[in-house]
Amino acid sequence: MTGGETTIVAGIEIPSTDAFFLAVVLGLHIPLGLACVAIGAIAMSSEKRRGRHSRLGTTYFWSLLALVASATLLSLMRWAENHHLFVLGVLSFTCAWIGRTALRRRWWYWVRLHIAGMGLSYILVLVAFYVDNGRQLPLWKDLPHFMYWLIPLAVGIPLIVRALLWPPLAPARHDFHLMR
C-alpha cells in the first residue's frame, strides 16, 4: 500500500486506493475523530459537576478508545508512513486513561491529574490530526511541518496550566469533590 496510489475525497488526499482502508478511514476513523474533537470541546466548556460534563467526558473517553483502535488498524496497514500516528494515539489514550482513573479512584491531587490528563489527551488528538492533514489544509499547508506539532501544544498547554492554577477548577486540597 505504499505504491503512491491516492484517493481524493472532498479535496482531501487519502494515501490509498484499498477499499478496506478507505472504508475504515471514511466510515469509522474520520467520524470518530470529529466526535472526539466536538465532544471534548463541549465537555471542557461545560460546568464541572455531575451531569453534562461527566456524560460528555465518558463519551469522549470511549470515542477516543474507538478512534485509537481505528488508528492502530490504519497504522498497521501503512506502518512505515503512520507509526508516529499510532504513538500519538496511544499517548492520547494513555493521558485520557490517567485523567479518568485519577477521577474515578480519587488519587492524590485527582482534580489536577484529571485536568492535565484529559487536556493533554485532547491536545494530542489535535496534534495527530494536524500532523496527518496539515499539508492539505488552507493556511496550514504553508507552514513548516514542525508547526503542526508545535501550534496545538503552544495553544493547549497554557490553557491546561491556566485551568490548573485557577482555584475554582483545581484547588490545592486533594479531596475536592466538585467533579464527582
N, C-alpha and C. Protein backbone atom coordinates (compact mmCIF):
# COMPACT_ATOMS: atom_id res chain seq x y z
N MET A 1 0.79 -1.18 0.00
CA MET A 1 0.00 0.00 0.00
C MET A 1 0.85 1.26 0.00
N THR A 2 2.09 1.15 -0.22
CA THR A 2 2.97 2.31 -0.23
C THR A 2 3.39 2.66 -1.66
N GLY A 3 2.63 2.19 -2.64
CA GLY A 3 2.99 2.41 -4.04
C GLY A 3 2.68 3.80 -4.55
N GLY A 4 2.11 4.67 -3.72
CA GLY A 4 1.86 6.03 -4.13
C GLY A 4 0.45 6.28 -4.64
N GLU A 5 -0.43 5.26 -4.65
CA GLU A 5 -1.80 5.48 -5.08
C GLU A 5 -2.54 6.30 -4.03
N THR A 6 -3.39 7.20 -4.51
CA THR A 6 -4.16 8.02 -3.59
C THR A 6 -5.62 8.10 -4.05
N THR A 7 -6.46 8.48 -3.13
CA THR A 7 -7.87 8.72 -3.41
C THR A 7 -8.18 10.13 -2.90
N ILE A 8 -8.88 10.90 -3.70
CA ILE A 8 -9.26 12.25 -3.29
C ILE A 8 -10.73 12.24 -2.88
N VAL A 9 -11.00 12.66 -1.65
CA VAL A 9 -12.38 12.75 -1.15
C VAL A 9 -12.56 14.16 -0.58
N ALA A 10 -13.50 14.90 -1.14
CA ALA A 10 -13.79 16.27 -0.70
C ALA A 10 -12.53 17.13 -0.68
N GLY A 11 -11.67 16.93 -1.65
CA GLY A 11 -10.45 17.71 -1.76
C GLY A 11 -9.31 17.26 -0.87
N ILE A 12 -9.54 16.22 -0.09
CA ILE A 12 -8.52 15.70 0.82
C ILE A 12 -7.93 14.43 0.21
N GLU A 13 -6.64 14.37 0.16
CA GLU A 13 -5.93 13.21 -0.38
C GLU A 13 -5.79 12.13 0.68
N ILE A 14 -6.31 10.95 0.36
CA ILE A 14 -6.17 9.79 1.24
C ILE A 14 -5.16 8.88 0.57
N PRO A 15 -4.08 8.53 1.27
CA PRO A 15 -2.94 7.85 0.63
C PRO A 15 -3.16 6.35 0.37
N SER A 16 -4.28 6.02 -0.26
CA SER A 16 -4.56 4.61 -0.56
C SER A 16 -5.72 4.52 -1.53
N THR A 17 -5.76 3.41 -2.25
CA THR A 17 -6.93 3.08 -3.06
C THR A 17 -7.56 1.79 -2.57
N ASP A 18 -7.02 1.23 -1.50
CA ASP A 18 -7.53 -0.01 -0.93
C ASP A 18 -8.93 0.22 -0.34
N ALA A 19 -9.90 -0.59 -0.76
CA ALA A 19 -11.30 -0.41 -0.34
C ALA A 19 -11.46 -0.54 1.17
N PHE A 20 -10.79 -1.50 1.79
CA PHE A 20 -10.91 -1.69 3.23
C PHE A 20 -10.33 -0.49 3.98
N PHE A 21 -9.15 -0.04 3.57
CA PHE A 21 -8.52 1.12 4.19
C PHE A 21 -9.44 2.34 4.10
N LEU A 22 -9.99 2.59 2.90
CA LEU A 22 -10.89 3.73 2.70
C LEU A 22 -12.16 3.60 3.54
N ALA A 23 -12.69 2.38 3.65
CA ALA A 23 -13.89 2.17 4.46
C ALA A 23 -13.62 2.49 5.92
N VAL A 24 -12.47 2.07 6.43
CA VAL A 24 -12.13 2.36 7.83
C VAL A 24 -11.92 3.86 8.02
N VAL A 25 -11.20 4.49 7.08
CA VAL A 25 -10.94 5.92 7.19
C VAL A 25 -12.23 6.72 7.13
N LEU A 26 -13.03 6.48 6.10
CA LEU A 26 -14.22 7.29 5.87
C LEU A 26 -15.40 6.90 6.76
N GLY A 27 -15.55 5.62 7.03
CA GLY A 27 -16.71 5.17 7.78
C GLY A 27 -16.54 5.14 9.28
N LEU A 28 -15.29 5.12 9.74
CA LEU A 28 -15.05 4.96 11.17
C LEU A 28 -14.12 6.04 11.72
N HIS A 29 -12.93 6.13 11.16
CA HIS A 29 -11.89 6.97 11.74
C HIS A 29 -12.25 8.47 11.71
N ILE A 30 -12.65 8.96 10.57
CA ILE A 30 -12.98 10.39 10.47
C ILE A 30 -14.18 10.75 11.35
N PRO A 31 -15.30 9.98 11.28
CA PRO A 31 -16.41 10.32 12.20
C PRO A 31 -16.02 10.26 13.68
N LEU A 32 -15.21 9.28 14.06
CA LEU A 32 -14.77 9.20 15.45
C LEU A 32 -13.88 10.38 15.83
N GLY A 33 -12.99 10.77 14.93
CA GLY A 33 -12.13 11.93 15.19
C GLY A 33 -12.93 13.20 15.36
N LEU A 34 -13.91 13.41 14.47
CA LEU A 34 -14.77 14.58 14.59
C LEU A 34 -15.57 14.56 15.89
N ALA A 35 -16.06 13.38 16.25
CA ALA A 35 -16.81 13.23 17.51
C ALA A 35 -15.93 13.58 18.70
N CYS A 36 -14.70 13.06 18.72
CA CYS A 36 -13.79 13.34 19.84
C CYS A 36 -13.51 14.83 19.96
N VAL A 37 -13.25 15.49 18.85
CA VAL A 37 -12.95 16.93 18.89
C VAL A 37 -14.16 17.72 19.39
N ALA A 38 -15.34 17.43 18.85
CA ALA A 38 -16.54 18.17 19.24
C ALA A 38 -16.94 17.86 20.68
N ILE A 39 -17.00 16.59 21.04
CA ILE A 39 -17.42 16.20 22.39
C ILE A 39 -16.42 16.69 23.43
N GLY A 40 -15.13 16.59 23.12
CA GLY A 40 -14.11 17.07 24.05
C GLY A 40 -14.22 18.56 24.29
N ALA A 41 -14.46 19.33 23.23
CA ALA A 41 -14.59 20.78 23.38
C ALA A 41 -15.82 21.14 24.22
N ILE A 42 -16.93 20.45 23.98
CA ILE A 42 -18.14 20.73 24.75
C ILE A 42 -17.95 20.34 26.22
N ALA A 43 -17.32 19.18 26.44
CA ALA A 43 -17.07 18.74 27.82
C ALA A 43 -16.19 19.74 28.57
N MET A 44 -15.14 20.23 27.90
CA MET A 44 -14.25 21.19 28.54
C MET A 44 -14.95 22.50 28.87
N SER A 45 -15.91 22.89 28.04
CA SER A 45 -16.58 24.16 28.27
C SER A 45 -17.82 24.03 29.16
N SER A 46 -18.18 22.80 29.53
CA SER A 46 -19.34 22.57 30.39
C SER A 46 -18.99 22.80 31.86
N GLU A 47 -20.01 23.12 32.64
CA GLU A 47 -19.81 23.31 34.08
C GLU A 47 -19.28 22.01 34.68
N LYS A 48 -18.28 22.10 35.52
CA LYS A 48 -17.59 20.93 36.07
C LYS A 48 -18.35 20.38 37.27
N ARG A 49 -19.26 19.49 36.99
CA ARG A 49 -20.04 18.81 38.02
C ARG A 49 -20.68 17.61 37.36
N ARG A 50 -21.39 16.82 38.17
CA ARG A 50 -22.11 15.67 37.62
C ARG A 50 -23.13 16.16 36.60
N GLY A 51 -23.36 15.32 35.63
CA GLY A 51 -24.33 15.67 34.60
C GLY A 51 -23.66 15.76 33.25
N ARG A 52 -23.85 16.89 32.60
CA ARG A 52 -23.36 17.07 31.23
C ARG A 52 -21.86 16.83 31.10
N HIS A 53 -21.07 17.44 31.96
CA HIS A 53 -19.62 17.28 31.87
C HIS A 53 -19.22 15.82 32.03
N SER A 54 -19.78 15.15 32.99
CA SER A 54 -19.46 13.74 33.23
C SER A 54 -19.88 12.85 32.06
N ARG A 55 -21.10 13.06 31.56
CA ARG A 55 -21.58 12.25 30.43
C ARG A 55 -20.72 12.47 29.20
N LEU A 56 -20.43 13.72 28.91
CA LEU A 56 -19.61 14.02 27.74
C LEU A 56 -18.19 13.50 27.91
N GLY A 57 -17.65 13.61 29.10
CA GLY A 57 -16.31 13.08 29.36
C GLY A 57 -16.25 11.58 29.14
N THR A 58 -17.26 10.88 29.60
CA THR A 58 -17.33 9.43 29.39
C THR A 58 -17.45 9.10 27.91
N THR A 59 -18.29 9.86 27.21
CA THR A 59 -18.45 9.65 25.76
C THR A 59 -17.14 9.93 25.04
N TYR A 60 -16.45 11.01 25.44
CA TYR A 60 -15.14 11.32 24.84
C TYR A 60 -14.17 10.16 25.05
N PHE A 61 -14.11 9.64 26.26
CA PHE A 61 -13.17 8.57 26.60
C PHE A 61 -13.40 7.35 25.71
N TRP A 62 -14.65 6.89 25.62
CA TRP A 62 -14.93 5.69 24.83
C TRP A 62 -14.81 5.95 23.33
N SER A 63 -15.15 7.16 22.89
CA SER A 63 -14.95 7.51 21.47
C SER A 63 -13.46 7.55 21.15
N LEU A 64 -12.67 8.06 22.09
CA LEU A 64 -11.22 8.09 21.89
C LEU A 64 -10.66 6.67 21.81
N LEU A 65 -11.14 5.78 22.65
CA LEU A 65 -10.68 4.39 22.57
C LEU A 65 -10.96 3.81 21.18
N ALA A 66 -12.16 4.04 20.66
CA ALA A 66 -12.51 3.55 19.32
C ALA A 66 -11.65 4.24 18.25
N LEU A 67 -11.39 5.54 18.42
CA LEU A 67 -10.53 6.27 17.47
C LEU A 67 -9.12 5.69 17.46
N VAL A 68 -8.58 5.42 18.64
CA VAL A 68 -7.23 4.87 18.73
C VAL A 68 -7.19 3.45 18.15
N ALA A 69 -8.26 2.68 18.34
CA ALA A 69 -8.33 1.35 17.74
C ALA A 69 -8.32 1.45 16.22
N SER A 70 -9.09 2.38 15.66
CA SER A 70 -9.08 2.54 14.20
C SER A 70 -7.73 3.07 13.72
N ALA A 71 -7.12 3.97 14.48
CA ALA A 71 -5.79 4.48 14.12
C ALA A 71 -4.75 3.38 14.17
N THR A 72 -4.89 2.48 15.13
CA THR A 72 -3.97 1.35 15.22
C THR A 72 -4.08 0.47 13.97
N LEU A 73 -5.30 0.16 13.59
CA LEU A 73 -5.51 -0.64 12.39
C LEU A 73 -4.95 0.05 11.15
N LEU A 74 -5.24 1.32 10.98
CA LEU A 74 -4.72 2.07 9.84
C LEU A 74 -3.20 2.16 9.87
N SER A 75 -2.64 2.34 11.04
CA SER A 75 -1.18 2.41 11.17
C SER A 75 -0.53 1.08 10.81
N LEU A 76 -1.13 -0.01 11.24
CA LEU A 76 -0.58 -1.32 10.90
C LEU A 76 -0.62 -1.57 9.40
N MET A 77 -1.62 -1.03 8.73
CA MET A 77 -1.73 -1.20 7.28
C MET A 77 -0.68 -0.38 6.53
N ARG A 78 -0.21 0.69 7.13
CA ARG A 78 0.79 1.57 6.50
C ARG A 78 1.82 1.98 7.55
N TRP A 79 2.45 1.01 8.19
CA TRP A 79 3.32 1.26 9.33
C TRP A 79 4.42 2.26 9.04
N ALA A 80 5.11 2.11 7.93
CA ALA A 80 6.24 2.99 7.62
C ALA A 80 5.82 4.46 7.58
N GLU A 81 4.60 4.73 7.08
CA GLU A 81 4.12 6.10 6.95
C GLU A 81 3.40 6.60 8.19
N ASN A 82 2.82 5.69 8.98
CA ASN A 82 1.91 6.11 10.04
C ASN A 82 2.30 5.72 11.46
N HIS A 83 3.48 5.18 11.67
CA HIS A 83 3.82 4.73 13.02
C HIS A 83 3.77 5.86 14.05
N HIS A 84 4.13 7.06 13.64
CA HIS A 84 4.07 8.20 14.56
C HIS A 84 2.62 8.52 14.97
N LEU A 85 1.67 8.27 14.08
CA LEU A 85 0.26 8.50 14.42
C LEU A 85 -0.22 7.46 15.42
N PHE A 86 0.29 6.25 15.31
CA PHE A 86 -0.01 5.21 16.30
C PHE A 86 0.49 5.64 17.68
N VAL A 87 1.72 6.14 17.73
CA VAL A 87 2.30 6.58 19.00
C VAL A 87 1.49 7.74 19.59
N LEU A 88 1.10 8.70 18.76
CA LEU A 88 0.29 9.82 19.26
C LEU A 88 -1.05 9.32 19.79
N GLY A 89 -1.66 8.36 19.11
CA GLY A 89 -2.93 7.80 19.57
C GLY A 89 -2.79 7.11 20.91
N VAL A 90 -1.75 6.29 21.05
CA VAL A 90 -1.54 5.58 22.31
C VAL A 90 -1.26 6.58 23.44
N LEU A 91 -0.45 7.59 23.17
CA LEU A 91 -0.18 8.61 24.19
C LEU A 91 -1.45 9.37 24.56
N SER A 92 -2.26 9.70 23.57
CA SER A 92 -3.51 10.41 23.84
C SER A 92 -4.43 9.57 24.72
N PHE A 93 -4.59 8.29 24.39
CA PHE A 93 -5.47 7.46 25.20
C PHE A 93 -4.89 7.23 26.59
N THR A 94 -3.58 7.10 26.69
CA THR A 94 -2.95 6.92 28.00
C THR A 94 -3.21 8.13 28.88
N CYS A 95 -3.08 9.33 28.33
CA CYS A 95 -3.38 10.55 29.10
C CYS A 95 -4.84 10.56 29.54
N ALA A 96 -5.76 10.20 28.64
CA ALA A 96 -7.18 10.17 29.00
C ALA A 96 -7.44 9.12 30.07
N TRP A 97 -6.79 7.98 29.96
CA TRP A 97 -6.97 6.92 30.96
C TRP A 97 -6.48 7.40 32.34
N ILE A 98 -5.34 8.06 32.36
CA ILE A 98 -4.82 8.60 33.63
C ILE A 98 -5.80 9.62 34.20
N GLY A 99 -6.29 10.54 33.35
CA GLY A 99 -7.23 11.55 33.81
C GLY A 99 -8.53 10.95 34.34
N ARG A 100 -9.04 9.96 33.64
CA ARG A 100 -10.29 9.31 34.06
C ARG A 100 -10.09 8.47 35.32
N THR A 101 -8.98 7.73 35.37
CA THR A 101 -8.71 6.87 36.52
C THR A 101 -8.44 7.70 37.77
N ALA A 102 -7.73 8.81 37.63
CA ALA A 102 -7.50 9.69 38.78
C ALA A 102 -8.82 10.17 39.35
N LEU A 103 -9.76 10.50 38.47
CA LEU A 103 -11.08 10.94 38.91
C LEU A 103 -11.84 9.82 39.60
N ARG A 104 -11.90 8.68 38.97
CA ARG A 104 -12.70 7.56 39.48
C ARG A 104 -12.16 6.98 40.78
N ARG A 105 -10.83 6.95 40.91
CA ARG A 105 -10.21 6.35 42.10
C ARG A 105 -9.79 7.37 43.15
N ARG A 106 -10.00 8.63 42.83
CA ARG A 106 -9.68 9.72 43.76
C ARG A 106 -8.22 9.67 44.22
N TRP A 107 -7.34 9.59 43.24
CA TRP A 107 -5.92 9.64 43.55
C TRP A 107 -5.61 10.99 44.20
N TRP A 108 -4.47 11.02 44.88
CA TRP A 108 -3.99 12.26 45.47
C TRP A 108 -3.90 13.31 44.35
N TYR A 109 -4.43 14.50 44.56
CA TYR A 109 -4.49 15.57 43.55
C TYR A 109 -5.22 15.13 42.29
N TRP A 110 -6.28 14.37 42.50
CA TRP A 110 -7.02 13.80 41.37
C TRP A 110 -7.58 14.85 40.43
N VAL A 111 -8.00 16.01 40.94
CA VAL A 111 -8.57 17.04 40.06
C VAL A 111 -7.50 17.53 39.09
N ARG A 112 -6.32 17.80 39.60
CA ARG A 112 -5.23 18.27 38.74
C ARG A 112 -4.83 17.20 37.73
N LEU A 113 -4.76 15.94 38.17
CA LEU A 113 -4.44 14.85 37.26
C LEU A 113 -5.52 14.68 36.19
N HIS A 114 -6.76 14.86 36.58
CA HIS A 114 -7.87 14.75 35.63
C HIS A 114 -7.76 15.86 34.58
N ILE A 115 -7.57 17.08 35.02
CA ILE A 115 -7.45 18.21 34.10
C ILE A 115 -6.27 18.01 33.16
N ALA A 116 -5.11 17.69 33.71
CA ALA A 116 -3.92 17.53 32.89
C ALA A 116 -4.06 16.34 31.93
N GLY A 117 -4.55 15.22 32.42
CA GLY A 117 -4.67 14.04 31.58
C GLY A 117 -5.64 14.22 30.43
N MET A 118 -6.83 14.71 30.74
CA MET A 118 -7.83 14.89 29.69
C MET A 118 -7.42 16.01 28.73
N GLY A 119 -6.84 17.07 29.27
CA GLY A 119 -6.38 18.17 28.41
C GLY A 119 -5.28 17.74 27.46
N LEU A 120 -4.28 17.03 27.99
CA LEU A 120 -3.20 16.55 27.12
C LEU A 120 -3.72 15.55 26.09
N SER A 121 -4.67 14.74 26.49
CA SER A 121 -5.27 13.80 25.56
C SER A 121 -5.87 14.54 24.37
N TYR A 122 -6.63 15.57 24.65
CA TYR A 122 -7.28 16.36 23.60
C TYR A 122 -6.23 17.03 22.70
N ILE A 123 -5.21 17.60 23.31
CA ILE A 123 -4.14 18.25 22.53
C ILE A 123 -3.49 17.23 21.59
N LEU A 124 -3.21 16.04 22.08
CA LEU A 124 -2.55 15.03 21.25
C LEU A 124 -3.44 14.55 20.10
N VAL A 125 -4.75 14.54 20.30
CA VAL A 125 -5.67 14.23 19.19
C VAL A 125 -5.51 15.31 18.11
N LEU A 126 -5.45 16.57 18.52
CA LEU A 126 -5.28 17.66 17.56
C LEU A 126 -3.92 17.60 16.87
N VAL A 127 -2.87 17.29 17.63
CA VAL A 127 -1.55 17.15 17.02
C VAL A 127 -1.58 16.07 15.94
N ALA A 128 -2.15 14.92 16.25
CA ALA A 128 -2.22 13.83 15.27
C ALA A 128 -2.98 14.27 14.02
N PHE A 129 -4.09 14.98 14.21
CA PHE A 129 -4.86 15.46 13.06
C PHE A 129 -4.01 16.39 12.20
N TYR A 130 -3.38 17.37 12.81
CA TYR A 130 -2.61 18.34 12.03
C TYR A 130 -1.36 17.73 11.41
N VAL A 131 -0.70 16.84 12.10
CA VAL A 131 0.47 16.17 11.54
C VAL A 131 0.08 15.36 10.30
N ASP A 132 -1.09 14.72 10.37
CA ASP A 132 -1.53 13.88 9.26
C ASP A 132 -2.15 14.70 8.12
N ASN A 133 -2.81 15.80 8.43
CA ASN A 133 -3.58 16.52 7.42
C ASN A 133 -3.16 17.96 7.17
N GLY A 134 -2.25 18.48 7.96
CA GLY A 134 -1.89 19.89 7.86
C GLY A 134 -1.44 20.33 6.49
N ARG A 135 -0.74 19.48 5.78
CA ARG A 135 -0.23 19.85 4.46
C ARG A 135 -1.33 20.04 3.43
N GLN A 136 -2.56 19.67 3.77
CA GLN A 136 -3.68 19.80 2.84
C GLN A 136 -4.68 20.88 3.26
N LEU A 137 -4.45 21.49 4.40
CA LEU A 137 -5.40 22.46 4.95
C LEU A 137 -5.03 23.88 4.56
N PRO A 138 -6.03 24.72 4.26
CA PRO A 138 -5.73 26.13 3.98
C PRO A 138 -4.97 26.74 5.16
N LEU A 139 -4.09 27.63 4.88
CA LEU A 139 -3.20 28.30 5.84
C LEU A 139 -2.15 27.34 6.41
N TRP A 140 -2.58 26.19 6.90
CA TRP A 140 -1.65 25.23 7.50
C TRP A 140 -0.67 24.70 6.46
N LYS A 141 -1.10 24.54 5.21
CA LYS A 141 -0.24 23.94 4.19
C LYS A 141 1.00 24.80 3.90
N ASP A 142 0.94 26.07 4.25
CA ASP A 142 2.08 26.97 4.03
C ASP A 142 3.08 26.97 5.20
N LEU A 143 2.73 26.29 6.28
CA LEU A 143 3.60 26.25 7.46
C LEU A 143 4.61 25.13 7.36
N PRO A 144 5.76 25.29 8.00
CA PRO A 144 6.70 24.16 8.07
C PRO A 144 6.11 23.03 8.91
N HIS A 145 6.50 21.80 8.62
CA HIS A 145 5.93 20.61 9.24
C HIS A 145 5.98 20.67 10.78
N PHE A 146 7.07 21.16 11.36
CA PHE A 146 7.18 21.15 12.82
C PHE A 146 6.09 22.00 13.48
N MET A 147 5.50 22.94 12.73
CA MET A 147 4.43 23.77 13.29
C MET A 147 3.16 22.96 13.53
N TYR A 148 2.96 21.87 12.80
CA TYR A 148 1.79 21.01 13.01
C TYR A 148 1.85 20.38 14.40
N TRP A 149 3.06 20.19 14.89
CA TRP A 149 3.27 19.66 16.24
C TRP A 149 3.21 20.79 17.27
N LEU A 150 3.82 21.90 16.93
CA LEU A 150 4.02 22.98 17.89
C LEU A 150 2.76 23.78 18.20
N ILE A 151 1.97 24.13 17.20
CA ILE A 151 0.83 25.03 17.41
C ILE A 151 -0.19 24.45 18.40
N PRO A 152 -0.65 23.19 18.22
CA PRO A 152 -1.61 22.69 19.22
C PRO A 152 -1.02 22.65 20.64
N LEU A 153 0.26 22.32 20.75
CA LEU A 153 0.91 22.30 22.06
C LEU A 153 1.04 23.70 22.62
N ALA A 154 1.42 24.67 21.78
CA ALA A 154 1.62 26.05 22.24
C ALA A 154 0.31 26.70 22.65
N VAL A 155 -0.80 26.31 22.05
CA VAL A 155 -2.10 26.85 22.43
C VAL A 155 -2.67 26.08 23.63
N GLY A 156 -2.58 24.76 23.58
CA GLY A 156 -3.24 23.91 24.58
C GLY A 156 -2.57 23.88 25.94
N ILE A 157 -1.26 23.82 25.98
CA ILE A 157 -0.58 23.70 27.28
C ILE A 157 -0.82 24.93 28.16
N PRO A 158 -0.75 26.15 27.63
CA PRO A 158 -1.09 27.29 28.51
C PRO A 158 -2.53 27.24 29.03
N LEU A 159 -3.45 26.70 28.23
CA LEU A 159 -4.83 26.57 28.71
C LEU A 159 -4.93 25.55 29.85
N ILE A 160 -4.18 24.48 29.74
CA ILE A 160 -4.15 23.49 30.83
C ILE A 160 -3.53 24.10 32.08
N VAL A 161 -2.42 24.82 31.91
CA VAL A 161 -1.76 25.46 33.06
C VAL A 161 -2.73 26.45 33.71
N ARG A 162 -3.46 27.21 32.91
CA ARG A 162 -4.44 28.16 33.46
C ARG A 162 -5.49 27.41 34.27
N ALA A 163 -5.99 26.30 33.73
CA ALA A 163 -7.01 25.53 34.45
C ALA A 163 -6.44 24.95 35.75
N LEU A 164 -5.18 24.56 35.72
CA LEU A 164 -4.55 24.01 36.93
C LEU A 164 -4.31 25.07 37.99
N LEU A 165 -4.09 26.30 37.57
CA LEU A 165 -3.82 27.38 38.51
C LEU A 165 -5.06 28.14 38.94
N TRP A 166 -6.16 27.95 38.24
CA TRP A 166 -7.40 28.66 38.56
C TRP A 166 -8.10 27.95 39.70
N PRO A 167 -8.09 28.50 40.91
CA PRO A 167 -8.59 27.79 42.10
C PRO A 167 -9.96 27.14 42.00
N PRO A 168 -10.96 27.74 41.34
CA PRO A 168 -12.25 27.02 41.31
C PRO A 168 -12.19 25.67 40.62
N LEU A 169 -11.24 25.48 39.72
CA LEU A 169 -11.15 24.21 39.00
C LEU A 169 -10.19 23.22 39.65
N ALA A 170 -9.11 23.71 40.19
CA ALA A 170 -8.10 22.81 40.74
C ALA A 170 -7.58 23.35 42.07
N PRO A 171 -8.34 23.17 43.14
CA PRO A 171 -7.90 23.70 44.44
C PRO A 171 -6.68 22.95 44.95
N ALA A 172 -6.03 23.57 45.89
CA ALA A 172 -4.84 22.95 46.47
C ALA A 172 -5.16 21.68 47.23
N ARG A 173 -6.38 21.59 47.78
CA ARG A 173 -6.77 20.39 48.52
C ARG A 173 -6.91 19.21 47.56
N HIS A 174 -6.52 18.06 47.98
CA HIS A 174 -6.63 16.87 47.14
C HIS A 174 -8.00 16.21 47.22
N ASP A 175 -8.82 16.62 48.17
CA ASP A 175 -10.10 15.97 48.38
C ASP A 175 -11.26 16.77 47.79
N PHE A 176 -11.03 17.57 46.82
CA PHE A 176 -12.01 18.40 46.18
C PHE A 176 -13.10 17.55 45.55
N HIS A 177 -14.37 17.84 45.84
CA HIS A 177 -15.47 16.97 45.39
C HIS A 177 -16.32 17.59 44.29
N LEU A 178 -15.86 18.64 43.66
CA LEU A 178 -16.64 19.34 42.66
C LEU A 178 -17.00 18.45 41.47
N MET A 179 -16.07 17.63 41.02
CA MET A 179 -16.29 16.92 39.75
C MET A 179 -16.84 15.51 39.94
N ARG A 180 -17.14 15.14 41.12
CA ARG A 180 -17.62 13.78 41.36
C ARG A 180 -18.99 13.55 40.81
